[in-house]
Amino acid sequence: MEVLNTETFKTKIFNYETSKEWAFAGERPVIVDFYADWCGPCRALSPILEQVAKKYEGKVDIFKVDTEATPELAGLFGVRGIPALLFIPLKGQPSMSSGLMPADAFDRAIGELFDIKG
């Protein structure tokens, strides 16, 4: 899973400097994990995201954003607590979820939000 900085976020997800309207730049649905290294629930979520990334490889891209290194990205999406997960479908608006999610909750979310079966 790639950790995005401000520049890679603008290239792969959304260039918020050139567009005020949401315009997703990706080719597949995306889950963005907003985390911090000191956050216990974030560390607990990491192996679950690894499993999800393997299961949906080639169907869903998963990226991480370190809220300590890039607080402006967390602010852009109103992240107040971590872990926070941004689900970005190919079409339509992204949706945010916060807190630790079990693997089966990812399966449900990916099915409902992205119309992809595990």
PDB file of N, CA and C in Angstrom:
ATOM      1  N   MET A   1       0.838  -1.178   0.000  1.00  0.00           N
ATOM      2  CA  MET A   1       0.000   0.000   0.000  1.00  0.00           C
ATOM      3  C   MET A   1       0.881   1.238   0.000  1.00  0.00           C
ATOM      4  N   GLU A   2       0.601   2.102  -0.916  1.00  0.00           N
ATOM      5  CA  GLU A   2       1.390   3.306  -1.073  1.00  0.00           C
ATOM      6  C   GLU A   2       0.913   4.393  -0.113  1.00  0.00           C
ATOM      7  N   VAL A   3       1.874   5.053   0.522  1.00  0.00           N
ATOM      8  CA  VAL A   3       1.565   6.220   1.356  1.00  0.00           C
ATOM      9  C   VAL A   3       1.640   7.442   0.448  1.00  0.00           C
ATOM     10  N   LEU A   4       0.552   8.188   0.409  1.00  0.00           N
ATOM     11  CA  LEU A   4       0.491   9.360  -0.456  1.00  0.00           C
ATOM     12  C   LEU A   4       0.931  10.615   0.281  1.00  0.00           C
ATOM     13  N   ASN A   5       1.701  11.442  -0.423  1.00  0.00           N
ATOM     14  CA  ASN A   5       1.974  12.780   0.092  1.00  0.00           C
ATOM     15  C   ASN A   5       1.062  13.741  -0.675  1.00  0.00           C
ATOM     16  N   THR A   6       1.207  15.004  -0.452  1.00  0.00           N
ATOM     17  CA  THR A   6       0.310  15.975  -1.085  1.00  0.00           C
ATOM     18  C   THR A   6       0.373  15.883  -2.607  1.00  0.00           C
ATOM     19  N   GLU A   7       1.572  15.780  -3.160  1.00  0.00           N
ATOM     20  CA  GLU A   7       1.712  15.751  -4.621  1.00  0.00           C
ATOM     21  C   GLU A   7       1.136  14.473  -5.222  1.00  0.00           C
ATOM     22  N   THR A   8       1.433  13.314  -4.634  1.00  0.00           N
ATOM     23  CA  THR A   8       0.904  12.069  -5.192  1.00  0.00           C
ATOM     24  C   THR A   8      -0.608  11.990  -5.002  1.00  0.00           C
ATOM     25  N   PHE A   9      -1.119  12.579  -3.936  1.00  0.00           N
ATOM     26  CA  PHE A   9      -2.570  12.622  -3.730  1.00  0.00           C
ATOM     27  C   PHE A   9      -3.234  13.406  -4.859  1.00  0.00           C
ATOM     28  N   LYS A  10      -2.659  14.561  -5.190  1.00  0.00           N
ATOM     29  CA  LYS A  10      -3.234  15.402  -6.248  1.00  0.00           C
ATOM     30  C   LYS A  10      -3.190  14.688  -7.602  1.00  0.00           C
ATOM     31  N   THR A  11      -2.184  13.866  -7.832  1.00  0.00           N
ATOM     32  CA  THR A  11      -2.059  13.134  -9.098  1.00  0.00           C
ATOM     33  C   THR A  11      -2.980  11.922  -9.161  1.00  0.00           C
ATOM     34  N   LYS A  12      -3.054  11.167  -8.063  1.00  0.00           N
ATOM     35  CA  LYS A  12      -3.769   9.881  -8.092  1.00  0.00           C
ATOM     36  C   LYS A  12      -5.218   9.956  -7.615  1.00  0.00           C
ATOM     37  N   ILE A  13      -5.561  10.974  -6.821  1.00  0.00           N
ATOM     38  CA  ILE A  13      -6.899  11.038  -6.239  1.00  0.00           C
ATOM     39  C   ILE A  13      -7.660  12.272  -6.717  1.00  0.00           C
ATOM     40  N   PHE A  14      -7.206  13.442  -6.317  1.00  0.00           N
ATOM     41  CA  PHE A  14      -7.956  14.663  -6.607  1.00  0.00           C
ATOM     42  C   PHE A  14      -7.043  15.870  -6.477  1.00  0.00           C
ATOM     43  N   ASN A  15      -6.975  16.682  -7.537  1.00  0.00           N
ATOM     44  CA  ASN A  15      -6.177  17.902  -7.477  1.00  0.00           C
ATOM     45  C   ASN A  15      -7.068  19.041  -6.988  1.00  0.00           C
ATOM     46  N   TYR A  16      -7.065  19.243  -5.691  1.00  0.00           N
ATOM     47  CA  TYR A  16      -7.916  20.241  -5.056  1.00  0.00           C
ATOM     48  C   TYR A  16      -7.431  21.666  -5.297  1.00  0.00           C
ATOM     49  N   GLU A  17      -6.214  21.815  -5.832  1.00  0.00           N
ATOM     50  CA  GLU A  17      -5.718  23.157  -6.122  1.00  0.00           C
ATOM     51  C   GLU A  17      -6.255  23.683  -7.460  1.00  0.00           C
ATOM     52  N   THR A  18      -6.528  22.782  -8.398  1.00  0.00           N
ATOM     53  CA  THR A  18      -6.997  23.209  -9.720  1.00  0.00           C
ATOM     54  C   THR A  18      -8.503  23.083  -9.881  1.00  0.00           C
ATOM     55  N   SER A  19      -9.158  22.353  -8.980  1.00  0.00           N
ATOM     56  CA  SER A  19     -10.597  22.144  -9.119  1.00  0.00           C
ATOM     57  C   SER A  19     -11.302  22.274  -7.768  1.00  0.00           C
ATOM     58  N   LYS A  20     -12.361  23.031  -7.744  1.00  0.00           N
ATOM     59  CA  LYS A  20     -13.158  23.149  -6.517  1.00  0.00           C
ATOM     60  C   LYS A  20     -14.227  22.058  -6.481  1.00  0.00           C
ATOM     61  N   GLU A  21     -14.653  21.600  -7.652  1.00  0.00           N
ATOM     62  CA  GLU A  21     -15.625  20.504  -7.757  1.00  0.00           C
ATOM     63  C   GLU A  21     -14.887  19.179  -7.667  1.00  0.00           C
ATOM     64  N   TRP A  22     -15.474  18.205  -6.970  1.00  0.00           N
ATOM     65  CA  TRP A  22     -14.862  16.885  -6.852  1.00  0.00           C
ATOM     66  C   TRP A  22     -14.664  16.285  -8.234  1.00  0.00           C
ATOM     67  N   ALA A  23     -13.433  15.870  -8.532  1.00  0.00           N
ATOM     68  CA  ALA A  23     -13.112  15.222  -9.808  1.00  0.00           C
ATOM     69  C   ALA A  23     -12.069  14.148  -9.528  1.00  0.00           C
ATOM     70  N   PHE A  24     -12.518  12.912  -9.406  1.00  0.00           N
ATOM     71  CA  PHE A  24     -11.635  11.794  -9.080  1.00  0.00           C
ATOM     72  C   PHE A  24     -10.686  11.515 -10.241  1.00  0.00           C
ATOM     73  N   ALA A  25      -9.402  11.368  -9.940  1.00  0.00           N
ATOM     74  CA  ALA A  25      -8.383  11.178 -10.964  1.00  0.00           C
ATOM     75  C   ALA A  25      -8.024   9.706 -11.182  1.00  0.00           C
ATOM     76  N   GLY A  26      -8.571   8.785 -10.379  1.00  0.00           N
ATOM     77  CA  GLY A  26      -8.161   7.392 -10.450  1.00  0.00           C
ATOM     78  C   GLY A  26      -8.872   6.582 -11.521  1.00  0.00           C
ATOM     79  N   GLU A  27      -8.353   5.377 -11.728  1.00  0.00           N
ATOM     80  CA  GLU A  27      -8.912   4.460 -12.723  1.00  0.00           C
ATOM     81  C   GLU A  27      -9.735   3.339 -12.090  1.00  0.00           C
ATOM     82  N   ARG A  28      -9.562   3.137 -10.788  1.00  0.00           N
ATOM     83  CA  ARG A  28     -10.310   2.122 -10.033  1.00  0.00           C
ATOM     84  C   ARG A  28     -10.836   2.776  -8.764  1.00  0.00           C
ATOM     85  N   PRO A  29     -11.869   2.197  -8.163  1.00  0.00           N
ATOM     86  CA  PRO A  29     -12.305   2.706  -6.858  1.00  0.00           C
ATOM     87  C   PRO A  29     -11.137   2.675  -5.871  1.00  0.00           C
ATOM     88  N   VAL A  30     -11.189   3.572  -4.900  1.00  0.00           N
ATOM     89  CA  VAL A  30     -10.074   3.733  -3.963  1.00  0.00           C
ATOM     90  C   VAL A  30     -10.582   3.781  -2.527  1.00  0.00           C
ATOM     91  N   ILE A  31      -9.790   3.213  -1.632  1.00  0.00           N
ATOM     92  CA  ILE A  31      -9.956   3.409  -0.196  1.00  0.00           C
ATOM     93  C   ILE A  31      -8.693   4.129   0.280  1.00  0.00           C
ATOM     94  N   VAL A  32      -8.885   5.260   0.952  1.00  0.00           N
ATOM     95  CA  VAL A  32      -7.755   6.003   1.528  1.00  0.00           C
ATOM     96  C   VAL A  32      -7.850   5.878   3.040  1.00  0.00           C
ATOM     97  N   ASP A  33      -6.772   5.372   3.640  1.00  0.00           N
ATOM     98  CA  ASP A  33      -6.686   5.225   5.089  1.00  0.00           C
ATOM     99  C   ASP A  33      -5.916   6.418   5.657  1.00  0.00           C
ATOM    100  N   PHE A  34      -6.610   7.270   6.404  1.00  0.00           N
ATOM    101  CA  PHE A  34      -5.959   8.380   7.108  1.00  0.00           C
ATOM    102  C   PHE A  34      -5.514   7.833   8.462  1.00  0.00           C
ATOM    103  N   TYR A  35      -4.210   7.896   8.738  1.00  0.00           N
ATOM    104  CA  TYR A  35      -3.652   7.248   9.928  1.00  0.00           C
ATOM    105  C   TYR A  35      -2.524   8.094  10.523  1.00  0.00           C
ATOM    106  N   ALA A  36      -2.038   7.642  11.666  1.00  0.00           N
ATOM    107  CA  ALA A  36      -0.809   8.179  12.266  1.00  0.00           C
ATOM    108  C   ALA A  36      -0.074   6.998  12.899  1.00  0.00           C
ATOM    109  N   ASP A  37       1.252   7.065  12.889  1.00  0.00           N
ATOM    110  CA  ASP A  37       2.064   5.962  13.424  1.00  0.00           C
ATOM    111  C   ASP A  37       1.805   5.699  14.905  1.00  0.00           C
ATOM    112  N   TRP A  38       1.472   6.744  15.672  1.00  0.00           N
ATOM    113  CA  TRP A  38       1.271   6.590  17.118  1.00  0.00           C
ATOM    114  C   TRP A  38      -0.098   6.022  17.472  1.00  0.00           C
ATOM    115  N   CYS A  39      -0.983   5.893  16.502  1.00  0.00           N
ATOM    116  CA  CYS A  39      -2.382   5.512  16.745  1.00  0.00           C
ATOM    117  C   CYS A  39      -2.541   3.983  16.810  1.00  0.00           C
ATOM    118  N   GLY A  40      -2.923   3.477  17.976  1.00  0.00           N
ATOM    119  CA  GLY A  40      -3.108   2.038  18.163  1.00  0.00           C
ATOM    120  C   GLY A  40      -4.153   1.422  17.235  1.00  0.00           C
ATOM    121  N   PRO A  41      -5.359   1.991  17.160  1.00  0.00           N
ATOM    122  CA  PRO A  41      -6.356   1.446  16.233  1.00  0.00           C
ATOM    123  C   PRO A  41      -5.890   1.486  14.775  1.00  0.00           C
ATOM    124  N   CYS A  42      -5.094   2.486  14.420  1.00  0.00           N
ATOM    125  CA  CYS A  42      -4.555   2.561  13.056  1.00  0.00           C
ATOM    126  C   CYS A  42      -3.617   1.381  12.799  1.00  0.00           C
ATOM    127  N   ARG A  43      -2.781   1.070  13.781  1.00  0.00           N
ATOM    128  CA  ARG A  43      -1.869  -0.073  13.633  1.00  0.00           C
ATOM    129  C   ARG A  43      -2.647  -1.379  13.557  1.00  0.00           C
ATOM    130  N   ALA A  44      -3.753  -1.473  14.307  1.00  0.00           N
ATOM    131  CA  ALA A  44      -4.591  -2.679  14.263  1.00  0.00           C
ATOM    132  C   ALA A  44      -5.295  -2.823  12.912  1.00  0.00           C
ATOM    133  N   LEU A  45      -5.599  -1.704  12.280  1.00  0.00           N
ATOM    134  CA  LEU A  45      -6.283  -1.721  10.985  1.00  0.00           C
ATOM    135  C   LEU A  45      -5.349  -2.135   9.849  1.00  0.00           C
ATOM    136  N   SER A  46      -4.080  -1.882   9.987  1.00  0.00           N
ATOM    137  CA  SER A  46      -3.113  -2.106   8.915  1.00  0.00           C
ATOM    138  C   SER A  46      -3.130  -3.537   8.350  1.00  0.00           C
ATOM    139  N   PRO A  47      -3.076  -4.593   9.184  1.00  0.00           N
ATOM    140  CA  PRO A  47      -3.111  -5.947   8.607  1.00  0.00           C
ATOM    141  C   PRO A  47      -4.451  -6.274   7.938  1.00  0.00           C
ATOM    142  N   ILE A  48      -5.530  -5.686   8.437  1.00  0.00           N
ATOM    143  CA  ILE A  48      -6.843  -5.893   7.804  1.00  0.00           C
ATOM    144  C   ILE A  48      -6.828  -5.274   6.408  1.00  0.00           C
ATOM    145  N   LEU A  49      -6.278  -4.071   6.300  1.00  0.00           N
ATOM    146  CA  LEU A  49      -6.180  -3.416   4.987  1.00  0.00           C
ATOM    147  C   LEU A  49      -5.278  -4.193   4.039  1.00  0.00           C
ATOM    148  N   GLU A  50      -4.221  -4.809   4.579  1.00  0.00           N
ATOM    149  CA  GLU A  50      -3.348  -5.642   3.744  1.00  0.00           C
ATOM    150  C   GLU A  50      -4.151  -6.803   3.137  1.00  0.00           C
ATOM    151  N   GLN A  51      -4.989  -7.446   3.963  1.00  0.00           N
ATOM    152  CA  GLN A  51      -5.837  -8.544   3.475  1.00  0.00           C
ATOM    153  C   GLN A  51      -6.805  -8.053   2.410  1.00  0.00           C
ATOM    154  N   VAL A  52      -7.431  -6.909   2.664  1.00  0.00           N
ATOM    155  CA  VAL A  52      -8.389  -6.329   1.718  1.00  0.00           C
ATOM    156  C   VAL A  52      -7.683  -5.995   0.401  1.00  0.00           C
ATOM    157  N   ALA A  53      -6.472  -5.436   0.504  1.00  0.00           N
ATOM    158  CA  ALA A  53      -5.700  -5.082  -0.698  1.00  0.00           C
ATOM    159  C   ALA A  53      -5.403  -6.319  -1.536  1.00  0.00           C
ATOM    160  N   LYS A  54      -5.040  -7.428  -0.883  1.00  0.00           N
ATOM    161  CA  LYS A  54      -4.768  -8.676  -1.616  1.00  0.00           C
ATOM    162  C   LYS A  54      -6.043  -9.222  -2.253  1.00  0.00           C
ATOM    163  N   LYS A  55      -7.119  -9.225  -1.489  1.00  0.00           N
ATOM    164  CA  LYS A  55      -8.384  -9.795  -1.958  1.00  0.00           C
ATOM    165  C   LYS A  55      -8.939  -9.044  -3.168  1.00  0.00           C
ATOM    166  N   TYR A  56      -8.799  -7.726  -3.170  1.00  0.00           N
ATOM    167  CA  TYR A  56      -9.374  -6.893  -4.228  1.00  0.00           C
ATOM    168  C   TYR A  56      -8.321  -6.330  -5.184  1.00  0.00           C
ATOM    169  N   GLU A  57      -7.149  -6.983  -5.225  1.00  0.00           N
ATOM    170  CA  GLU A  57      -6.069  -6.515  -6.089  1.00  0.00           C
ATOM    171  C   GLU A  57      -6.546  -6.417  -7.544  1.00  0.00           C
ATOM    172  N   GLY A  58      -6.261  -5.289  -8.165  1.00  0.00           N
ATOM    173  CA  GLY A  58      -6.682  -5.062  -9.542  1.00  0.00           C
ATOM    174  C   GLY A  58      -8.109  -4.547  -9.671  1.00  0.00           C
ATOM    175  N   LYS A  59      -8.849  -4.521  -8.540  1.00  0.00           N
ATOM    176  CA  LYS A  59     -10.239  -4.046  -8.554  1.00  0.00           C
ATOM    177  C   LYS A  59     -10.409  -2.765  -7.737  1.00  0.00           C
ATOM    178  N   VAL A  60      -9.674  -2.667  -6.625  1.00  0.00           N
ATOM    179  CA  VAL A  60      -9.749  -1.520  -5.716  1.00  0.00           C
ATOM    180  C   VAL A  60      -8.322  -1.139  -5.326  1.00  0.00           C
ATOM    181  N   ASP A  61      -8.005   0.133  -5.391  1.00  0.00           N
ATOM    182  CA  ASP A  61      -6.698   0.617  -4.946  1.00  0.00           C
ATOM    183  C   ASP A  61      -6.824   1.112  -3.508  1.00  0.00           C
ATOM    184  N   ILE A  62      -5.808   0.806  -2.714  1.00  0.00           N
ATOM    185  CA  ILE A  62      -5.804   1.250  -1.322  1.00  0.00           C
ATOM    186  C   ILE A  62      -4.550   2.078  -1.085  1.00  0.00           C
ATOM    187  N   PHE A  63      -4.756   3.275  -0.570  1.00  0.00           N
ATOM    188  CA  PHE A  63      -3.664   4.184  -0.262  1.00  0.00           C
ATOM    189  C   PHE A  63      -3.754   4.596   1.205  1.00  0.00           C
ATOM    190  N   LYS A  64      -2.619   5.077   1.731  1.00  0.00           N
ATOM    191  CA  LYS A  64      -2.571   5.573   3.099  1.00  0.00           C
ATOM    192  C   LYS A  64      -2.136   7.038   3.072  1.00  0.00           C
ATOM    193  N   VAL A  65      -2.664   7.816   4.014  1.00  0.00           N
ATOM    194  CA  VAL A  65      -2.254   9.208   4.181  1.00  0.00           C
ATOM    195  C   VAL A  65      -1.893   9.399   5.649  1.00  0.00           C
ATOM    196  N   ASP A  66      -0.640   9.767   5.893  1.00  0.00           N
ATOM    197  CA  ASP A  66      -0.162  10.030   7.250  1.00  0.00           C
ATOM    198  C   ASP A  66      -0.629  11.429   7.659  1.00  0.00           C
ATOM    199  N   THR A  67      -1.541  11.473   8.613  1.00  0.00           N
ATOM    200  CA  THR A  67      -2.128  12.755   9.025  1.00  0.00           C
ATOM    201  C   THR A  67      -1.108  13.666   9.717  1.00  0.00           C
ATOM    202  N   GLU A  68      -0.039  13.089  10.229  1.00  0.00           N
ATOM    203  CA  GLU A  68       1.005  13.902  10.859  1.00  0.00           C
ATOM    204  C   GLU A  68       1.866  14.574   9.788  1.00  0.00           C
ATOM    205  N   ALA A  69       2.157  13.858   8.716  1.00  0.00           N
ATOM    206  CA  ALA A  69       3.017  14.386   7.652  1.00  0.00           C
ATOM    207  C   ALA A  69       2.253  15.311   6.703  1.00  0.00           C
ATOM    208  N   THR A  70       0.955  15.045   6.517  1.00  0.00           N
ATOM    209  CA  THR A  70       0.160  15.840   5.572  1.00  0.00           C
ATOM    210  C   THR A  70      -1.183  16.241   6.204  1.00  0.00           C
ATOM    211  N   PRO A  71      -1.135  17.098   7.220  1.00  0.00           N
ATOM    212  CA  PRO A  71      -2.374  17.481   7.906  1.00  0.00           C
ATOM    213  C   PRO A  71      -3.366  18.207   6.988  1.00  0.00           C
ATOM    214  N   GLU A  72      -2.856  18.846   5.922  1.00  0.00           N
ATOM    215  CA  GLU A  72      -3.765  19.550   5.019  1.00  0.00           C
ATOM    216  C   GLU A  72      -4.702  18.585   4.293  1.00  0.00           C
ATOM    217  N   LEU A  73      -4.238  17.359   4.005  1.00  0.00           N
ATOM    218  CA  LEU A  73      -5.105  16.376   3.354  1.00  0.00           C
ATOM    219  C   LEU A  73      -6.204  15.907   4.311  1.00  0.00           C
ATOM    220  N   ALA A  74      -5.844  15.702   5.563  1.00  0.00           N
ATOM    221  CA  ALA A  74      -6.851  15.328   6.560  1.00  0.00           C
ATOM    222  C   ALA A  74      -7.871  16.452   6.712  1.00  0.00           C
ATOM    223  N   GLY A  75      -7.399  17.690   6.718  1.00  0.00           N
ATOM    224  CA  GLY A  75      -8.289  18.839   6.844  1.00  0.00           C
ATOM    225  C   GLY A  75      -9.216  18.988   5.650  1.00  0.00           C
ATOM    226  N   LEU A  76      -8.726  18.649   4.478  1.00  0.00           N
ATOM    227  CA  LEU A  76      -9.517  18.745   3.252  1.00  0.00           C
ATOM    228  C   LEU A  76     -10.785  17.900   3.335  1.00  0.00           C
ATOM    229  N   PHE A  77     -10.685  16.756   4.011  1.00  0.00           N
ATOM    230  CA  PHE A  77     -11.827  15.846   4.126  1.00  0.00           C
ATOM    231  C   PHE A  77     -12.470  15.872   5.506  1.00  0.00           C
ATOM    232  N   GLY A  78     -12.077  16.827   6.335  1.00  0.00           N
ATOM    233  CA  GLY A  78     -12.696  16.984   7.638  1.00  0.00           C
ATOM    234  C   GLY A  78     -12.397  15.851   8.609  1.00  0.00           C
ATOM    235  N   VAL A  79     -11.240  15.223   8.468  1.00  0.00           N
ATOM    236  CA  VAL A  79     -10.864  14.129   9.368  1.00  0.00           C
ATOM    237  C   VAL A  79     -10.621  14.702  10.753  1.00  0.00           C
ATOM    238  N   ARG A  80     -11.380  14.216  11.731  1.00  0.00           N
ATOM    239  CA  ARG A  80     -11.254  14.684  13.112  1.00  0.00           C
ATOM    240  C   ARG A  80     -10.642  13.615  14.015  1.00  0.00           C
ATOM    241  N   GLY A  81     -10.898  12.355  13.686  1.00  0.00           N
ATOM    242  CA  GLY A  81     -10.348  11.245  14.448  1.00  0.00           C
ATOM    243  C   GLY A  81      -9.798  10.207  13.495  1.00  0.00           C
ATOM    244  N   ILE A  82      -8.861   9.423  13.974  1.00  0.00           N
ATOM    245  CA  ILE A  82      -8.268   8.389  13.125  1.00  0.00           C
ATOM    246  C   ILE A  82      -8.351   7.050  13.837  1.00  0.00           C
ATOM    247  N   PRO A  83      -8.371   5.944  13.110  1.00  0.00           N
ATOM    248  CA  PRO A  83      -8.321   5.890  11.657  1.00  0.00           C
ATOM    249  C   PRO A  83      -9.613   6.407  11.024  1.00  0.00           C
ATOM    250  N   ALA A  84      -9.454   7.001   9.864  1.00  0.00           N
ATOM    251  CA  ALA A  84     -10.591   7.441   9.059  1.00  0.00           C
ATOM    252  C   ALA A  84     -10.388   6.883   7.658  1.00  0.00           C
ATOM    253  N   LEU A  85     -11.448   6.388   7.081  1.00  0.00           N
ATOM    254  CA  LEU A  85     -11.364   5.754   5.765  1.00  0.00           C
ATOM    255  C   LEU A  85     -12.231   6.508   4.771  1.00  0.00           C
ATOM    256  N   LEU A  86     -11.634   6.861   3.663  1.00  0.00           N
ATOM    257  CA  LEU A  86     -12.341   7.549   2.593  1.00  0.00           C
ATOM    258  C   LEU A  86     -12.579   6.547   1.470  1.00  0.00           C
ATOM    259  N   PHE A  87     -13.841   6.291   1.172  1.00  0.00           N
ATOM    260  CA  PHE A  87     -14.219   5.371   0.101  1.00  0.00           C
ATOM    261  C   PHE A  87     -14.565   6.205  -1.128  1.00  0.00           C
ATOM    262  N   ILE A  88     -13.827   5.994  -2.210  1.00  0.00           N
ATOM    263  CA  ILE A  88     -14.010   6.806  -3.411  1.00  0.00           C
ATOM    264  C   ILE A  88     -14.458   5.911  -4.573  1.00  0.00           C
ATOM    265  N   PRO A  89     -15.732   6.016  -4.977  1.00  0.00           N
ATOM    266  CA  PRO A  89     -16.194   5.263  -6.139  1.00  0.00           C
ATOM    267  C   PRO A  89     -15.709   5.939  -7.427  1.00  0.00           C
ATOM    268  N   LEU A  90     -15.792   5.219  -8.541  1.00  0.00           N
ATOM    269  CA  LEU A  90     -15.400   5.818  -9.818  1.00  0.00           C
ATOM    270  C   LEU A  90     -16.280   7.011 -10.168  1.00  0.00           C
ATOM    271  N   LYS A  91     -17.561   6.886  -9.899  1.00  0.00           N
ATOM    272  CA  LYS A  91     -18.493   7.985 -10.177  1.00  0.00           C
ATOM    273  C   LYS A  91     -19.198   8.356  -8.874  1.00  0.00           C
ATOM    274  N   GLY A  92     -19.497   9.624  -8.725  1.00  0.00           N
ATOM    275  CA  GLY A  92     -20.192  10.060  -7.522  1.00  0.00           C
ATOM    276  C   GLY A  92     -19.232  10.590  -6.476  1.00  0.00           C
ATOM    277  N   GLN A  93     -19.798  10.935  -5.352  1.00  0.00           N
ATOM    278  CA  GLN A  93     -19.046  11.565  -4.267  1.00  0.00           C
ATOM    279  C   GLN A  93     -18.408  10.509  -3.356  1.00  0.00           C
ATOM    280  N   PRO A  94     -17.262  10.832  -2.778  1.00  0.00           N
ATOM    281  CA  PRO A  94     -16.641   9.933  -1.809  1.00  0.00           C
ATOM    282  C   PRO A  94     -17.425   9.930  -0.498  1.00  0.00           C
ATOM    283  N   SER A  95     -17.239   8.892   0.301  1.00  0.00           N
ATOM    284  CA  SER A  95     -17.860   8.842   1.622  1.00  0.00           C
ATOM    285  C   SER A  95     -16.815   8.457   2.654  1.00  0.00           C
ATOM    286  N   MET A  96     -17.002   8.945   3.868  1.00  0.00           N
ATOM    287  CA  MET A  96     -16.029   8.760   4.942  1.00  0.00           C
ATOM    288  C   MET A  96     -16.588   7.841   6.013  1.00  0.00           C
ATOM    289  N   SER A  97     -15.700   7.024   6.550  1.00  0.00           N
ATOM    290  CA  SER A  97     -16.037   6.170   7.680  1.00  0.00           C
ATOM    291  C   SER A  97     -14.916   6.338   8.698  1.00  0.00           C
ATOM    292  N   SER A  98     -15.242   6.330   9.986  1.00  0.00           N
ATOM    293  CA  SER A  98     -14.165   6.427  10.961  1.00  0.00           C
ATOM    294  C   SER A  98     -14.183   5.259  11.915  1.00  0.00           C
ATOM    295  N   GLY A  99     -12.997   4.976  12.425  1.00  0.00           N
ATOM    296  CA  GLY A  99     -12.840   3.888  13.377  1.00  0.00           C
ATOM    297  C   GLY A  99     -12.340   2.613  12.735  1.00  0.00           C
ATOM    298  N   LEU A 100     -12.020   1.673  13.582  1.00  0.00           N
ATOM    299  CA  LEU A 100     -11.511   0.372  13.167  1.00  0.00           C
ATOM    300  C   LEU A 100     -12.632  -0.444  12.545  1.00  0.00           C
ATOM    301  N   MET A 101     -12.393  -1.000  11.362  1.00  0.00           N
ATOM    302  CA  MET A 101     -13.402  -1.823  10.674  1.00  0.00           C
ATOM    303  C   MET A 101     -12.876  -3.241  10.512  1.00  0.00           C
ATOM    304  N   PRO A 102     -13.708  -4.262  10.777  1.00  0.00           N
ATOM    305  CA  PRO A 102     -13.292  -5.629  10.511  1.00  0.00           C
ATOM    306  C   PRO A 102     -13.336  -5.919   9.001  1.00  0.00           C
ATOM    307  N   ALA A 103     -12.675  -6.986   8.586  1.00  0.00           N
ATOM    308  CA  ALA A 103     -12.576  -7.334   7.161  1.00  0.00           C
ATOM    309  C   ALA A 103     -13.948  -7.498   6.514  1.00  0.00           C
ATOM    310  N   ASP A 104     -14.909  -8.110   7.217  1.00  0.00           N
ATOM    311  CA  ASP A 104     -16.228  -8.322   6.605  1.00  0.00           C
ATOM    312  C   ASP A 104     -16.955  -7.000   6.366  1.00  0.00           C
ATOM    313  N   ALA A 105     -16.662  -5.982   7.174  1.00  0.00           N
ATOM    314  CA  ALA A 105     -17.265  -4.663   6.957  1.00  0.00           C
ATOM    315  C   ALA A 105     -16.705  -4.037   5.677  1.00  0.00           C
ATOM    316  N   PHE A 106     -15.442  -4.308   5.374  1.00  0.00           N
ATOM    317  CA  PHE A 106     -14.862  -3.832   4.114  1.00  0.00           C
ATOM    318  C   PHE A 106     -15.547  -4.516   2.933  1.00  0.00           C
ATOM    319  N   ASP A 107     -15.794  -5.832   3.063  1.00  0.00           N
ATOM    320  CA  ASP A 107     -16.493  -6.561   1.991  1.00  0.00           C
ATOM    321  C   ASP A 107     -17.861  -5.932   1.727  1.00  0.00           C
ATOM    322  N   ARG A 108     -18.605  -5.640   2.783  1.00  0.00           N
ATOM    323  CA  ARG A 108     -19.928  -5.023   2.635  1.00  0.00           C
ATOM    324  C   ARG A 108     -19.817  -3.638   1.998  1.00  0.00           C
ATOM    325  N   ALA A 109     -18.892  -2.822   2.498  1.00  0.00           N
ATOM    326  CA  ALA A 109     -18.726  -1.459   1.983  1.00  0.00           C
ATOM    327  C   ALA A 109     -18.306  -1.474   0.514  1.00  0.00           C
ATOM    328  N   ILE A 110     -17.381  -2.347   0.162  1.00  0.00           N
ATOM    329  CA  ILE A 110     -16.920  -2.434  -1.227  1.00  0.00           C
ATOM    330  C   ILE A 110     -18.059  -2.909  -2.124  1.00  0.00           C
ATOM    331  N   GLY A 111     -18.855  -3.845  -1.643  1.00  0.00           N
ATOM    332  CA  GLY A 111     -20.013  -4.314  -2.406  1.00  0.00           C
ATOM    333  C   GLY A 111     -21.049  -3.225  -2.600  1.00  0.00           C
ATOM    334  N   GLU A 112     -21.354  -2.501  -1.526  1.00  0.00           N
ATOM    335  CA  GLU A 112     -22.401  -1.476  -1.585  1.00  0.00           C
ATOM    336  C   GLU A 112     -21.933  -0.204  -2.308  1.00  0.00           C
ATOM    337  N   LEU A 113     -20.741   0.273  -1.989  1.00  0.00           N
ATOM    338  CA  LEU A 113     -20.283   1.556  -2.522  1.00  0.00           C
ATOM    339  C   LEU A 113     -19.651   1.441  -3.920  1.00  0.00           C
ATOM    340  N   PHE A 114     -19.017   0.307  -4.177  1.00  0.00           N
ATOM    341  CA  PHE A 114     -18.289   0.144  -5.439  1.00  0.00           C
ATOM    342  C   PHE A 114     -18.939  -0.879  -6.374  1.00  0.00           C
ATOM    343  N   ASP A 115     -19.951  -1.603  -5.865  1.00  0.00           N
ATOM    344  CA  ASP A 115     -20.607  -2.668  -6.631  1.00  0.00           C
ATOM    345  C   ASP A 115     -19.597  -3.719  -7.097  1.00  0.00           C
ATOM    346  N   ILE A 116     -18.693  -4.097  -6.181  1.00  0.00           N
ATOM    347  CA  ILE A 116     -17.699  -5.128  -6.457  1.00  0.00           C
ATOM    348  C   ILE A 116     -17.875  -6.229  -5.438  1.00  0.00           C
ATOM    349  N   LYS A 117     -17.959  -7.457  -5.912  1.00  0.00           N
ATOM    350  CA  LYS A 117     -18.117  -8.607  -5.014  1.00  0.00           C
ATOM    351  C   LYS A 117     -16.748  -9.203  -4.728  1.00  0.00           C
ATOM    352  N   GLY A 118     -16.569  -9.647  -3.481  1.00  0.00           N
ATOM    353  CA  GLY A 118     -15.301 -10.205  -3.033  1.00  0.00           C
ATOM    354  C   GLY A 118     -14.975 -11.495  -3.549  1.00  0.00           C
TER     355      GLY A 118
END
